[in-house]
Structure formats: C-alpha cells, structure tokens
Amino acid sequence: MSEFERTKLEIDLRNFTSRNFIRPSDCRNITQIQFYVRELCLKIDEYESRFSYVPAWAHSLLAQYNLVQNKLVQVEFKNA
C-alpha cells in the first residue's frame, strides 16, 4: 500500500469519525458510549479486513472511549 493510499484511508476514517461521533469526553450516557465503541470496533475491523491497515489514532480513540465507558460503569455501580 502506498503512502498516498494510507493517507487517503486516514482522511476518510477521520472524516467518518468527526461526522458521526462526538468526543469521548462529551459522552454522558452509557448507552451512547457503548454505541460509539461498537461502531468504532466495526469500522476498525472493516479497515483491517479490507485494507490490512488501521491508523494508530483509531485504536487510540477506541481506548479513550473505553476509558470513558469504564468510568461511567464505575459511577453507575457506585450509585446502585
């Protein structure tokens, strides 16, 4: 895969996430964050299977969503 193709894939994925997702720090609902985690996992799997390439920042974004999800679960657990 050429550098041009990688750059195009990164731009396409960046555009997808900026249009369809909100920042992890803005998520306040456990259902919402679970939706974003699931959708991002599906997108990462798609890129891996179709292009054998996933930008490193996509995994980083997934880690940020997982961190927020874990915090929300912990707060929910404390409240229960």
N, C-alpha and C. Protein backbone atom coordinates (compact mmCIF):
# COMPACT_ATOMS: atom_id res chain seq x y z
N MET A 1 0.84 -1.16 0.00
CA MET A 1 0.00 0.00 0.00
C MET A 1 0.89 1.24 0.00
N SER A 2 0.58 2.15 -0.88
CA SER A 2 1.40 3.36 -0.99
C SER A 2 1.06 4.35 0.12
N GLU A 3 1.93 5.30 0.31
CA GLU A 3 1.72 6.34 1.31
C GLU A 3 0.48 7.18 0.98
N PHE A 4 0.25 7.40 -0.31
CA PHE A 4 -0.93 8.14 -0.74
C PHE A 4 -2.21 7.41 -0.34
N GLU A 5 -2.24 6.10 -0.54
CA GLU A 5 -3.43 5.30 -0.17
C GLU A 5 -3.65 5.31 1.33
N ARG A 6 -2.58 5.21 2.09
CA ARG A 6 -2.70 5.26 3.55
C ARG A 6 -3.24 6.61 4.01
N THR A 7 -2.73 7.66 3.43
CA THR A 7 -3.19 9.00 3.78
C THR A 7 -4.66 9.17 3.45
N LYS A 8 -5.08 8.67 2.29
CA LYS A 8 -6.48 8.77 1.89
C LYS A 8 -7.37 7.99 2.85
N LEU A 9 -6.94 6.79 3.25
CA LEU A 9 -7.71 6.00 4.20
C LEU A 9 -7.83 6.71 5.55
N GLU A 10 -6.73 7.31 5.99
CA GLU A 10 -6.75 8.03 7.25
C GLU A 10 -7.70 9.22 7.19
N ILE A 11 -7.67 9.94 6.09
CA ILE A 11 -8.56 11.09 5.93
C ILE A 11 -10.02 10.64 5.89
N ASP A 12 -10.29 9.56 5.17
CA ASP A 12 -11.66 9.05 5.10
C ASP A 12 -12.16 8.62 6.48
N LEU A 13 -11.33 7.92 7.23
CA LEU A 13 -11.74 7.48 8.56
C LEU A 13 -11.88 8.67 9.50
N ARG A 14 -11.00 9.62 9.40
CA ARG A 14 -11.08 10.82 10.24
C ARG A 14 -12.37 11.58 9.95
N ASN A 15 -12.72 11.71 8.67
CA ASN A 15 -13.97 12.39 8.29
C ASN A 15 -15.18 11.63 8.83
N PHE A 16 -15.16 10.30 8.73
CA PHE A 16 -16.26 9.49 9.24
C PHE A 16 -16.45 9.70 10.74
N THR A 17 -15.36 9.64 11.49
CA THR A 17 -15.48 9.78 12.94
C THR A 17 -15.88 11.19 13.34
N SER A 18 -15.39 12.19 12.65
CA SER A 18 -15.75 13.56 13.03
C SER A 18 -17.21 13.88 12.69
N ARG A 19 -17.75 13.26 11.64
CA ARG A 19 -19.15 13.48 11.27
C ARG A 19 -20.11 12.71 12.17
N ASN A 20 -19.74 11.50 12.57
CA ASN A 20 -20.68 10.60 13.22
C ASN A 20 -20.48 10.41 14.73
N PHE A 21 -19.34 10.80 15.26
CA PHE A 21 -19.06 10.59 16.67
C PHE A 21 -18.87 11.93 17.37
N ILE A 22 -19.13 11.92 18.67
CA ILE A 22 -18.76 13.07 19.48
C ILE A 22 -17.52 12.69 20.28
N ARG A 23 -16.86 13.68 20.83
CA ARG A 23 -15.64 13.40 21.58
C ARG A 23 -15.95 12.53 22.79
N PRO A 24 -15.03 11.65 23.15
CA PRO A 24 -15.27 10.78 24.30
C PRO A 24 -15.58 11.57 25.58
N SER A 25 -14.93 12.69 25.77
CA SER A 25 -15.15 13.47 26.99
C SER A 25 -16.55 14.10 27.04
N ASP A 26 -17.23 14.18 25.92
CA ASP A 26 -18.58 14.76 25.88
C ASP A 26 -19.68 13.72 26.10
N CYS A 27 -19.33 12.45 26.18
CA CYS A 27 -20.32 11.39 26.37
C CYS A 27 -20.73 11.33 27.83
N ARG A 28 -22.05 11.32 28.06
CA ARG A 28 -22.56 11.28 29.43
C ARG A 28 -23.50 10.10 29.66
N ASN A 29 -23.75 9.31 28.64
CA ASN A 29 -24.72 8.23 28.71
C ASN A 29 -24.03 6.92 28.37
N ILE A 30 -24.22 5.90 29.19
CA ILE A 30 -23.55 4.61 28.98
C ILE A 30 -23.99 3.96 27.67
N THR A 31 -25.25 4.10 27.32
CA THR A 31 -25.74 3.52 26.07
C THR A 31 -25.10 4.19 24.86
N GLN A 32 -24.96 5.49 24.95
CA GLN A 32 -24.34 6.26 23.88
C GLN A 32 -22.89 5.83 23.67
N ILE A 33 -22.14 5.72 24.75
CA ILE A 33 -20.73 5.35 24.65
C ILE A 33 -20.58 3.93 24.14
N GLN A 34 -21.48 3.03 24.55
CA GLN A 34 -21.42 1.66 24.05
C GLN A 34 -21.68 1.62 22.56
N PHE A 35 -22.57 2.46 22.08
CA PHE A 35 -22.83 2.55 20.64
C PHE A 35 -21.57 2.98 19.89
N TYR A 36 -20.91 4.02 20.40
CA TYR A 36 -19.69 4.51 19.73
C TYR A 36 -18.58 3.47 19.75
N VAL A 37 -18.43 2.76 20.86
CA VAL A 37 -17.41 1.71 20.94
C VAL A 37 -17.70 0.62 19.92
N ARG A 38 -18.94 0.19 19.85
CA ARG A 38 -19.31 -0.86 18.90
C ARG A 38 -19.10 -0.41 17.45
N GLU A 39 -19.53 0.80 17.13
CA GLU A 39 -19.37 1.30 15.75
C GLU A 39 -17.90 1.46 15.38
N LEU A 40 -17.11 1.96 16.30
CA LEU A 40 -15.68 2.13 16.03
C LEU A 40 -14.99 0.78 15.87
N CYS A 41 -15.38 -0.20 16.68
CA CYS A 41 -14.82 -1.55 16.53
C CYS A 41 -15.16 -2.13 15.16
N LEU A 42 -16.39 -1.94 14.74
CA LEU A 42 -16.80 -2.43 13.41
C LEU A 42 -16.00 -1.75 12.31
N LYS A 43 -15.78 -0.46 12.44
CA LYS A 43 -15.02 0.29 11.43
C LYS A 43 -13.56 -0.17 11.41
N ILE A 44 -12.99 -0.39 12.57
CA ILE A 44 -11.61 -0.88 12.65
C ILE A 44 -11.50 -2.26 12.03
N ASP A 45 -12.45 -3.13 12.33
CA ASP A 45 -12.46 -4.47 11.73
C ASP A 45 -12.60 -4.40 10.21
N GLU A 46 -13.44 -3.50 9.75
CA GLU A 46 -13.62 -3.32 8.31
C GLU A 46 -12.32 -2.89 7.64
N TYR A 47 -11.65 -1.92 8.21
CA TYR A 47 -10.38 -1.44 7.64
C TYR A 47 -9.31 -2.54 7.68
N GLU A 48 -9.30 -3.30 8.77
CA GLU A 48 -8.33 -4.39 8.88
C GLU A 48 -8.56 -5.45 7.82
N SER A 49 -9.81 -5.82 7.61
CA SER A 49 -10.09 -6.89 6.64
C SER A 49 -9.99 -6.40 5.19
N ARG A 50 -10.41 -5.19 4.92
CA ARG A 50 -10.40 -4.70 3.53
C ARG A 50 -9.02 -4.19 3.10
N PHE A 51 -8.35 -3.48 4.01
CA PHE A 51 -7.12 -2.81 3.61
C PHE A 51 -5.87 -3.30 4.34
N SER A 52 -6.05 -4.15 5.35
CA SER A 52 -4.94 -4.61 6.19
C SER A 52 -4.17 -3.44 6.79
N TYR A 53 -4.92 -2.38 7.10
CA TYR A 53 -4.30 -1.18 7.67
C TYR A 53 -5.35 -0.43 8.50
N VAL A 54 -4.97 -0.08 9.71
CA VAL A 54 -5.79 0.75 10.57
C VAL A 54 -4.87 1.81 11.16
N PRO A 55 -5.23 3.08 11.02
CA PRO A 55 -4.39 4.13 11.61
C PRO A 55 -4.27 3.95 13.13
N ALA A 56 -3.13 4.27 13.66
CA ALA A 56 -2.88 4.11 15.10
C ALA A 56 -3.83 4.97 15.92
N TRP A 57 -4.18 6.13 15.40
CA TRP A 57 -5.05 7.02 16.16
C TRP A 57 -6.46 6.42 16.33
N ALA A 58 -6.87 5.51 15.45
CA ALA A 58 -8.18 4.87 15.59
C ALA A 58 -8.20 3.98 16.84
N HIS A 59 -7.12 3.27 17.08
CA HIS A 59 -7.01 2.45 18.28
C HIS A 59 -6.93 3.34 19.53
N SER A 60 -6.26 4.46 19.39
CA SER A 60 -6.17 5.40 20.50
C SER A 60 -7.55 5.98 20.83
N LEU A 61 -8.32 6.31 19.81
CA LEU A 61 -9.68 6.82 20.01
C LEU A 61 -10.55 5.76 20.69
N LEU A 62 -10.41 4.52 20.27
CA LEU A 62 -11.15 3.43 20.89
C LEU A 62 -10.77 3.30 22.37
N ALA A 63 -9.51 3.44 22.67
CA ALA A 63 -9.06 3.37 24.07
C ALA A 63 -9.66 4.51 24.89
N GLN A 64 -9.78 5.69 24.30
CA GLN A 64 -10.38 6.82 25.00
C GLN A 64 -11.86 6.55 25.29
N TYR A 65 -12.57 6.02 24.31
CA TYR A 65 -13.97 5.68 24.52
C TYR A 65 -14.12 4.59 25.59
N ASN A 66 -13.24 3.60 25.58
CA ASN A 66 -13.29 2.55 26.59
C ASN A 66 -13.01 3.10 27.99
N LEU A 67 -12.11 4.05 28.08
CA LEU A 67 -11.81 4.67 29.37
C LEU A 67 -13.04 5.39 29.91
N VAL A 68 -13.70 6.16 29.07
CA VAL A 68 -14.91 6.88 29.49
C VAL A 68 -16.01 5.88 29.85
N GLN A 69 -16.13 4.82 29.07
CA GLN A 69 -17.13 3.80 29.35
C GLN A 69 -16.89 3.18 30.72
N ASN A 70 -15.64 2.84 31.01
CA ASN A 70 -15.31 2.25 32.31
C ASN A 70 -15.63 3.21 33.46
N LYS A 71 -15.36 4.50 33.27
CA LYS A 71 -15.68 5.49 34.30
C LYS A 71 -17.18 5.57 34.52
N LEU A 72 -17.95 5.57 33.43
CA LEU A 72 -19.40 5.64 33.57
C LEU A 72 -19.96 4.39 34.24
N VAL A 73 -19.41 3.24 33.93
CA VAL A 73 -19.86 2.00 34.58
C VAL A 73 -19.53 2.04 36.07
N GLN A 74 -18.37 2.56 36.41
CA GLN A 74 -17.96 2.65 37.80
C GLN A 74 -18.90 3.59 38.57
N VAL A 75 -19.23 4.73 37.98
CA VAL A 75 -20.15 5.67 38.63
C VAL A 75 -21.52 5.03 38.80
N GLU A 76 -21.98 4.35 37.77
CA GLU A 76 -23.28 3.68 37.84
C GLU A 76 -23.29 2.60 38.92
N PHE A 77 -22.18 1.88 39.04
CA PHE A 77 -22.07 0.84 40.05
C PHE A 77 -22.10 1.43 41.46
N LYS A 78 -21.40 2.54 41.65
CA LYS A 78 -21.38 3.19 42.97
C LYS A 78 -22.77 3.69 43.35
N ASN A 79 -23.51 4.17 42.37
CA ASN A 79 -24.85 4.68 42.63
C ASN A 79 -25.87 3.58 42.90
N ALA A 80 -25.56 2.37 42.47
CA ALA A 80 -26.53 1.26 42.65
C ALA A 80 -26.42 0.60 43.98
